[in-house]
Amino acid sequence: MRTWGIVLIVFGSLSLLGALLAAANGAAGSGGGIAFIVLGAYLVYRAKQKDEEKNQHDNWSNE
């Protein structure tokens, strides 16, 4: 999940950058890249949470 999250953050950032450049040139740009950034950040956050839960479970079972 972490890898897909990072990929989505990069893709969203590039999309948002392209939209901003298009808007600067007078074309209508969409903010769809923001959705990919948010989804990617959530996936990275969730992967981190799962790792912490697994570590807590492993520490509890080892005691």
N, C-alpha and C. Protein backbone atom coordinates (compact mmCIF):
# COMPACT_ATOMS: atom_id res chain seq x y z
N MET A 1 0.82 -1.19 0.00
CA MET A 1 0.00 0.00 0.00
C MET A 1 0.87 1.26 0.00
N ARG A 2 1.98 1.19 0.68
CA ARG A 2 2.83 2.37 0.77
C ARG A 2 3.36 2.75 -0.62
N THR A 3 3.74 1.75 -1.40
CA THR A 3 4.27 2.02 -2.74
C THR A 3 3.21 2.68 -3.62
N TRP A 4 1.99 2.15 -3.59
CA TRP A 4 0.92 2.74 -4.39
C TRP A 4 0.60 4.15 -3.90
N GLY A 5 0.69 4.38 -2.62
CA GLY A 5 0.46 5.71 -2.09
C GLY A 5 1.47 6.72 -2.61
N ILE A 6 2.73 6.32 -2.63
CA ILE A 6 3.77 7.21 -3.12
C ILE A 6 3.58 7.46 -4.61
N VAL A 7 3.23 6.41 -5.37
CA VAL A 7 2.98 6.57 -6.80
C VAL A 7 1.83 7.54 -7.04
N LEU A 8 0.76 7.42 -6.27
CA LEU A 8 -0.39 8.31 -6.44
C LEU A 8 -0.04 9.75 -6.05
N ILE A 9 0.78 9.93 -5.03
CA ILE A 9 1.19 11.28 -4.64
C ILE A 9 2.00 11.92 -5.77
N VAL A 10 2.91 11.17 -6.35
CA VAL A 10 3.73 11.70 -7.45
C VAL A 10 2.84 12.02 -8.65
N PHE A 11 1.96 11.09 -9.01
CA PHE A 11 1.07 11.29 -10.15
C PHE A 11 0.15 12.49 -9.92
N GLY A 12 -0.38 12.61 -8.73
CA GLY A 12 -1.23 13.75 -8.40
C GLY A 12 -0.49 15.07 -8.43
N SER A 13 0.74 15.06 -7.96
CA SER A 13 1.55 16.28 -7.98
C SER A 13 1.83 16.72 -9.41
N LEU A 14 2.17 15.77 -10.26
CA LEU A 14 2.41 16.10 -11.67
C LEU A 14 1.14 16.60 -12.34
N SER A 15 0.02 15.99 -12.03
CA SER A 15 -1.25 16.41 -12.61
C SER A 15 -1.61 17.82 -12.15
N LEU A 16 -1.42 18.07 -10.88
CA LEU A 16 -1.72 19.40 -10.35
C LEU A 16 -0.80 20.46 -10.95
N LEU A 17 0.47 20.11 -11.11
CA LEU A 17 1.42 21.03 -11.73
C LEU A 17 1.00 21.34 -13.17
N GLY A 18 0.59 20.31 -13.91
CA GLY A 18 0.12 20.51 -15.28
C GLY A 18 -1.12 21.38 -15.33
N ALA A 19 -2.02 21.20 -14.39
CA ALA A 19 -3.23 22.02 -14.34
C ALA A 19 -2.90 23.47 -14.03
N LEU A 20 -1.95 23.68 -13.13
CA LEU A 20 -1.55 25.05 -12.81
C LEU A 20 -0.86 25.73 -13.99
N LEU A 21 -0.03 24.98 -14.71
CA LEU A 21 0.62 25.55 -15.89
C LEU A 21 -0.40 25.85 -16.98
N ALA A 22 -1.39 24.99 -17.15
CA ALA A 22 -2.43 25.23 -18.14
C ALA A 22 -3.26 26.45 -17.75
N ALA A 23 -3.56 26.60 -16.48
CA ALA A 23 -4.33 27.75 -16.02
C ALA A 23 -3.54 29.05 -16.20
N ALA A 24 -2.22 28.97 -16.05
CA ALA A 24 -1.39 30.15 -16.23
C ALA A 24 -1.37 30.59 -17.69
N ASN A 25 -1.58 29.64 -18.61
CA ASN A 25 -1.60 29.96 -20.04
C ASN A 25 -3.00 30.30 -20.53
N GLY A 26 -3.97 30.33 -19.65
CA GLY A 26 -5.31 30.73 -20.03
C GLY A 26 -6.27 29.59 -20.28
N ALA A 27 -5.81 28.35 -20.28
CA ALA A 27 -6.69 27.20 -20.49
C ALA A 27 -7.37 26.84 -19.16
N ALA A 28 -8.47 26.17 -19.27
CA ALA A 28 -9.18 25.74 -18.06
C ALA A 28 -8.48 24.50 -17.50
N GLY A 29 -7.97 24.59 -16.31
CA GLY A 29 -7.30 23.47 -15.66
C GLY A 29 -8.17 22.92 -14.55
N SER A 30 -8.12 21.62 -14.38
CA SER A 30 -8.91 21.00 -13.31
C SER A 30 -8.00 20.70 -12.12
N GLY A 31 -8.60 20.55 -10.98
CA GLY A 31 -7.84 20.25 -9.76
C GLY A 31 -7.92 18.79 -9.39
N GLY A 32 -8.03 17.91 -10.38
CA GLY A 32 -8.17 16.48 -10.12
C GLY A 32 -6.96 15.85 -9.46
N GLY A 33 -5.80 16.49 -9.59
CA GLY A 33 -4.60 15.96 -8.98
C GLY A 33 -4.67 15.96 -7.47
N ILE A 34 -5.47 16.85 -6.92
CA ILE A 34 -5.60 16.93 -5.47
C ILE A 34 -6.19 15.63 -4.91
N ALA A 35 -7.14 15.05 -5.63
CA ALA A 35 -7.76 13.79 -5.18
C ALA A 35 -6.72 12.68 -5.12
N PHE A 36 -5.83 12.62 -6.10
CA PHE A 36 -4.80 11.59 -6.09
C PHE A 36 -3.81 11.81 -4.95
N ILE A 37 -3.50 13.06 -4.67
CA ILE A 37 -2.59 13.37 -3.56
C ILE A 37 -3.21 12.95 -2.24
N VAL A 38 -4.48 13.25 -2.05
CA VAL A 38 -5.16 12.90 -0.80
C VAL A 38 -5.25 11.38 -0.66
N LEU A 39 -5.63 10.69 -1.73
CA LEU A 39 -5.71 9.23 -1.68
C LEU A 39 -4.35 8.61 -1.42
N GLY A 40 -3.31 9.11 -2.06
CA GLY A 40 -1.96 8.60 -1.83
C GLY A 40 -1.50 8.82 -0.41
N ALA A 41 -1.79 10.01 0.13
CA ALA A 41 -1.41 10.29 1.51
C ALA A 41 -2.14 9.37 2.48
N TYR A 42 -3.42 9.08 2.19
CA TYR A 42 -4.16 8.17 3.05
C TYR A 42 -3.56 6.76 3.00
N LEU A 43 -3.18 6.31 1.81
CA LEU A 43 -2.59 4.97 1.71
C LEU A 43 -1.27 4.87 2.46
N VAL A 44 -0.45 5.91 2.38
CA VAL A 44 0.82 5.92 3.12
C VAL A 44 0.55 5.93 4.62
N TYR A 45 -0.41 6.75 5.05
CA TYR A 45 -0.77 6.83 6.46
C TYR A 45 -1.29 5.49 6.96
N ARG A 46 -2.15 4.84 6.18
CA ARG A 46 -2.74 3.56 6.58
C ARG A 46 -1.67 2.47 6.65
N ALA A 47 -0.73 2.48 5.72
CA ALA A 47 0.36 1.50 5.75
C ALA A 47 1.21 1.68 7.01
N LYS A 48 1.44 2.94 7.39
CA LYS A 48 2.22 3.21 8.60
C LYS A 48 1.46 2.72 9.83
N GLN A 49 0.15 2.94 9.85
CA GLN A 49 -0.67 2.47 10.97
C GLN A 49 -0.64 0.95 11.09
N LYS A 50 -0.74 0.27 9.95
CA LYS A 50 -0.72 -1.20 9.97
C LYS A 50 0.62 -1.72 10.51
N ASP A 51 1.72 -1.07 10.11
CA ASP A 51 3.03 -1.48 10.61
C ASP A 51 3.12 -1.30 12.12
N GLU A 52 2.60 -0.18 12.62
CA GLU A 52 2.63 0.07 14.06
C GLU A 52 1.75 -0.94 14.81
N GLU A 53 0.58 -1.27 14.26
CA GLU A 53 -0.30 -2.25 14.89
C GLU A 53 0.37 -3.63 14.92
N LYS A 54 1.05 -3.99 13.83
CA LYS A 54 1.74 -5.27 13.77
C LYS A 54 2.87 -5.32 14.80
N ASN A 55 3.62 -4.21 14.92
CA ASN A 55 4.71 -4.17 15.90
C ASN A 55 4.18 -4.27 17.33
N GLN A 56 3.06 -3.60 17.61
CA GLN A 56 2.47 -3.68 18.94
C GLN A 56 1.99 -5.10 19.22
N HIS A 57 1.41 -5.73 18.22
CA HIS A 57 0.94 -7.10 18.41
C HIS A 57 2.11 -8.05 18.64
N ASP A 58 3.18 -7.88 17.86
CA ASP A 58 4.36 -8.74 18.02
C ASP A 58 5.00 -8.52 19.39
N ASN A 59 5.08 -7.27 19.84
CA ASN A 59 5.65 -6.98 21.16
C ASN A 59 4.80 -7.57 22.27
N TRP A 60 3.49 -7.51 22.11
CA TRP A 60 2.59 -8.06 23.13
C TRP A 60 2.69 -9.57 23.20
N SER A 61 2.80 -10.23 22.05
CA SER A 61 2.86 -11.68 22.06
C SER A 61 4.22 -12.20 22.51
N ASN A 62 5.26 -11.39 22.43
CA ASN A 62 6.59 -11.80 22.87
C ASN A 62 6.79 -11.64 24.37
N GLU A 63 5.93 -10.90 25.03
CA GLU A 63 6.11 -10.67 26.47
C GLU A 63 5.65 -11.81 27.30
